[in-house]
Amino acid sequence: MVEITSFQLKEDISIEKFTKAAESMQEQFLAKQSGFLKRTLTVSEDGVWTDIVFWKDQGSFETAMQKAESSEHTLPFMDKIDFNSVKMMTTKPVLITE
């Protein structure tokens, strides 16, 4: 299962601050979740970020999302995001090449 979230940062947040928060959240929270496989975080030239997270299954994703709502390790990351810009979807991989 793949979680794809696009968003923009709040106006006063630098790329460096956000990247640091994203790395910390991945190390302290995401990587410790059952079913987490891998993550790619990208940013376009117009400032739209895309967070792509691969999960073993839908249940792993749902459990991690519930835990994220109250984790001290996710709040500094989420606090930097403009939630009015967030678009999230989940998809099922059909073909993966690396």
C-alpha atoms as a PDB file:
ATOM      1  CA  MET A   1       0.000   0.000   0.000  1.00  0.00           C
ATOM      2  CA  VAL A   2       1.288   3.468  -0.824  1.00  0.00           C
ATOM      3  CA  GLU A   3       0.327   6.652   0.998  1.00  0.00           C
ATOM      4  CA  ILE A   4       0.800   9.785  -1.113  1.00  0.00           C
ATOM      5  CA  THR A   5       0.405  13.172   0.556  1.00  0.00           C
ATOM      6  CA  SER A   6       1.020  16.535  -1.085  1.00  0.00           C
ATOM      7  CA  PHE A   7       1.156  19.809   0.814  1.00  0.00           C
ATOM      8  CA  GLN A   8       2.806  23.188   1.203  1.00  0.00           C
ATOM      9  CA  LEU A   9       4.655  24.528   4.228  1.00  0.00           C
ATOM     10  CA  LYS A  10       3.501  27.378   6.401  1.00  0.00           C
ATOM     11  CA  GLU A  11       4.918  30.687   5.164  1.00  0.00           C
ATOM     12  CA  ASP A  12       7.582  31.158   7.846  1.00  0.00           C
ATOM     13  CA  ILE A  13       9.088  27.647   7.614  1.00  0.00           C
ATOM     14  CA  SER A  14      12.400  27.175   5.815  1.00  0.00           C
ATOM     15  CA  ILE A  15      13.263  24.085   3.809  1.00  0.00           C
ATOM     16  CA  GLU A  16      16.106  23.383   6.251  1.00  0.00           C
ATOM     17  CA  LYS A  17      13.822  23.477   9.318  1.00  0.00           C
ATOM     18  CA  PHE A  18      11.252  21.277   7.638  1.00  0.00           C
ATOM     19  CA  THR A  19      13.796  18.767   6.356  1.00  0.00           C
ATOM     20  CA  LYS A  20      15.263  18.440   9.843  1.00  0.00           C
ATOM     21  CA  ALA A  21      11.785  17.844  11.313  1.00  0.00           C
ATOM     22  CA  ALA A  22      11.008  15.302   8.562  1.00  0.00           C
ATOM     23  CA  GLU A  23      14.214  13.368   9.242  1.00  0.00           C
ATOM     24  CA  SER A  24      13.557  13.338  12.981  1.00  0.00           C
ATOM     25  CA  MET A  25       9.975  12.168  12.525  1.00  0.00           C
ATOM     26  CA  GLN A  26      11.111   9.377  10.241  1.00  0.00           C
ATOM     27  CA  GLU A  27      13.821   8.177  12.648  1.00  0.00           C
ATOM     28  CA  GLN A  28      11.854   8.578  15.879  1.00  0.00           C
ATOM     29  CA  PHE A  29       8.391   7.516  14.701  1.00  0.00           C
ATOM     30  CA  LEU A  30       7.882   6.272  11.160  1.00  0.00           C
ATOM     31  CA  ALA A  31      10.754   3.787  10.987  1.00  0.00           C
ATOM     32  CA  LYS A  32       9.547   2.189  14.220  1.00  0.00           C
ATOM     33  CA  GLN A  33       6.040   1.461  12.923  1.00  0.00           C
ATOM     34  CA  SER A  34       5.097  -2.098  12.084  1.00  0.00           C
ATOM     35  CA  GLY A  35       4.598  -2.469   8.342  1.00  0.00           C
ATOM     36  CA  PHE A  36       6.639   0.607   7.335  1.00  0.00           C
ATOM     37  CA  LEU A  37       8.724  -0.202   4.257  1.00  0.00           C
ATOM     38  CA  LYS A  38      10.213   2.994   2.841  1.00  0.00           C
ATOM     39  CA  ARG A  39       9.632   6.698   2.249  1.00  0.00           C
ATOM     40  CA  THR A  40      10.466   9.328  -0.344  1.00  0.00           C
ATOM     41  CA  LEU A  41       9.972  13.045   0.343  1.00  0.00           C
ATOM     42  CA  THR A  42      10.162  15.454  -2.602  1.00  0.00           C
ATOM     43  CA  VAL A  43       9.596  19.157  -3.259  1.00  0.00           C
ATOM     44  CA  SER A  44       8.774  20.846  -6.560  1.00  0.00           C
ATOM     45  CA  GLU A  45      10.101  24.195  -7.705  1.00  0.00           C
ATOM     46  CA  ASP A  46       6.777  25.836  -6.796  1.00  0.00           C
ATOM     47  CA  GLY A  47       6.990  24.596  -3.188  1.00  0.00           C
ATOM     48  CA  VAL A  48       4.621  21.619  -3.314  1.00  0.00           C
ATOM     49  CA  TRP A  49       5.930  18.766  -1.192  1.00  0.00           C
ATOM     50  CA  THR A  50       5.054  15.123  -1.852  1.00  0.00           C
ATOM     51  CA  ASP A  51       5.517  12.522   0.866  1.00  0.00           C
ATOM     52  CA  ILE A  52       5.354   8.964  -0.494  1.00  0.00           C
ATOM     53  CA  VAL A  53       5.286   6.204   2.110  1.00  0.00           C
ATOM     54  CA  PHE A  54       5.191   2.495   1.324  1.00  0.00           C
ATOM     55  CA  TRP A  55       3.403   0.238   3.828  1.00  0.00           C
ATOM     56  CA  LYS A  56       3.116  -3.543   4.037  1.00  0.00           C
ATOM     57  CA  ASP A  57      -0.697  -3.282   4.090  1.00  0.00           C
ATOM     58  CA  GLN A  58      -3.673  -1.017   4.792  1.00  0.00           C
ATOM     59  CA  GLY A  59      -3.823  -2.068   8.446  1.00  0.00           C
ATOM     60  CA  SER A  60      -0.239  -0.976   9.075  1.00  0.00           C
ATOM     61  CA  PHE A  61      -0.990   2.412   7.549  1.00  0.00           C
ATOM     62  CA  GLU A  62      -4.175   2.892   9.595  1.00  0.00           C
ATOM     63  CA  THR A  63      -2.507   1.919  12.878  1.00  0.00           C
ATOM     64  CA  ALA A  64       0.410   4.282  12.240  1.00  0.00           C
ATOM     65  CA  MET A  65      -1.971   7.146  11.377  1.00  0.00           C
ATOM     66  CA  GLN A  66      -3.826   6.674  14.680  1.00  0.00           C
ATOM     67  CA  LYS A  67      -0.558   6.693  16.632  1.00  0.00           C
ATOM     68  CA  ALA A  68       0.720   9.739  14.709  1.00  0.00           C
ATOM     69  CA  GLU A  69      -2.162  11.882  15.964  1.00  0.00           C
ATOM     70  CA  SER A  70      -0.789  11.860  19.501  1.00  0.00           C
ATOM     71  CA  SER A  71       2.925  11.155  19.081  1.00  0.00           C
ATOM     72  CA  GLU A  72       5.382  13.727  20.373  1.00  0.00           C
ATOM     73  CA  HIS A  73       7.654  12.739  17.468  1.00  0.00           C
ATOM     74  CA  THR A  74       5.186  13.682  14.720  1.00  0.00           C
ATOM     75  CA  LEU A  75       3.931  17.013  16.052  1.00  0.00           C
ATOM     76  CA  PRO A  76       7.033  19.131  15.202  1.00  0.00           C
ATOM     77  CA  PHE A  77       6.796  17.816  11.623  1.00  0.00           C
ATOM     78  CA  MET A  78       3.052  18.331  11.229  1.00  0.00           C
ATOM     79  CA  ASP A  79       3.181  21.763  12.853  1.00  0.00           C
ATOM     80  CA  LYS A  80       5.172  23.083   9.871  1.00  0.00           C
ATOM     81  CA  ILE A  81       2.570  22.045   7.259  1.00  0.00           C
ATOM     82  CA  ASP A  82      -0.196  24.291   5.912  1.00  0.00           C
ATOM     83  CA  PHE A  83      -3.112  21.930   6.489  1.00  0.00           C
ATOM     84  CA  ASN A  84      -5.337  23.847   4.073  1.00  0.00           C
ATOM     85  CA  SER A  85      -3.053  22.598   1.289  1.00  0.00           C
ATOM     86  CA  VAL A  86      -2.968  18.894   2.252  1.00  0.00           C
ATOM     87  CA  LYS A  87      -4.162  16.279  -0.230  1.00  0.00           C
ATOM     88  CA  MET A  88      -3.817  12.630   0.781  1.00  0.00           C
ATOM     89  CA  MET A  89      -4.607   9.397  -0.994  1.00  0.00           C
ATOM     90  CA  THR A  90      -3.724   5.753  -0.684  1.00  0.00           C
ATOM     91  CA  THR A  91      -3.057   3.484  -3.628  1.00  0.00           C
ATOM     92  CA  LYS A  92      -2.292  -0.148  -4.275  1.00  0.00           C
ATOM     93  CA  PRO A  93       0.976  -0.803  -6.141  1.00  0.00           C
ATOM     94  CA  VAL A  94       0.597  -2.654  -9.415  1.00  0.00           C
ATOM     95  CA  LEU A  95       4.182  -2.520 -10.667  1.00  0.00           C
ATOM     96  CA  ILE A  96       7.306  -1.644  -8.677  1.00  0.00           C
ATOM     97  CA  THR A  97      10.753  -1.426 -10.224  1.00  0.00           C
ATOM     98  CA  GLU A  98      13.938  -0.317  -8.506  1.00  0.00           C
END
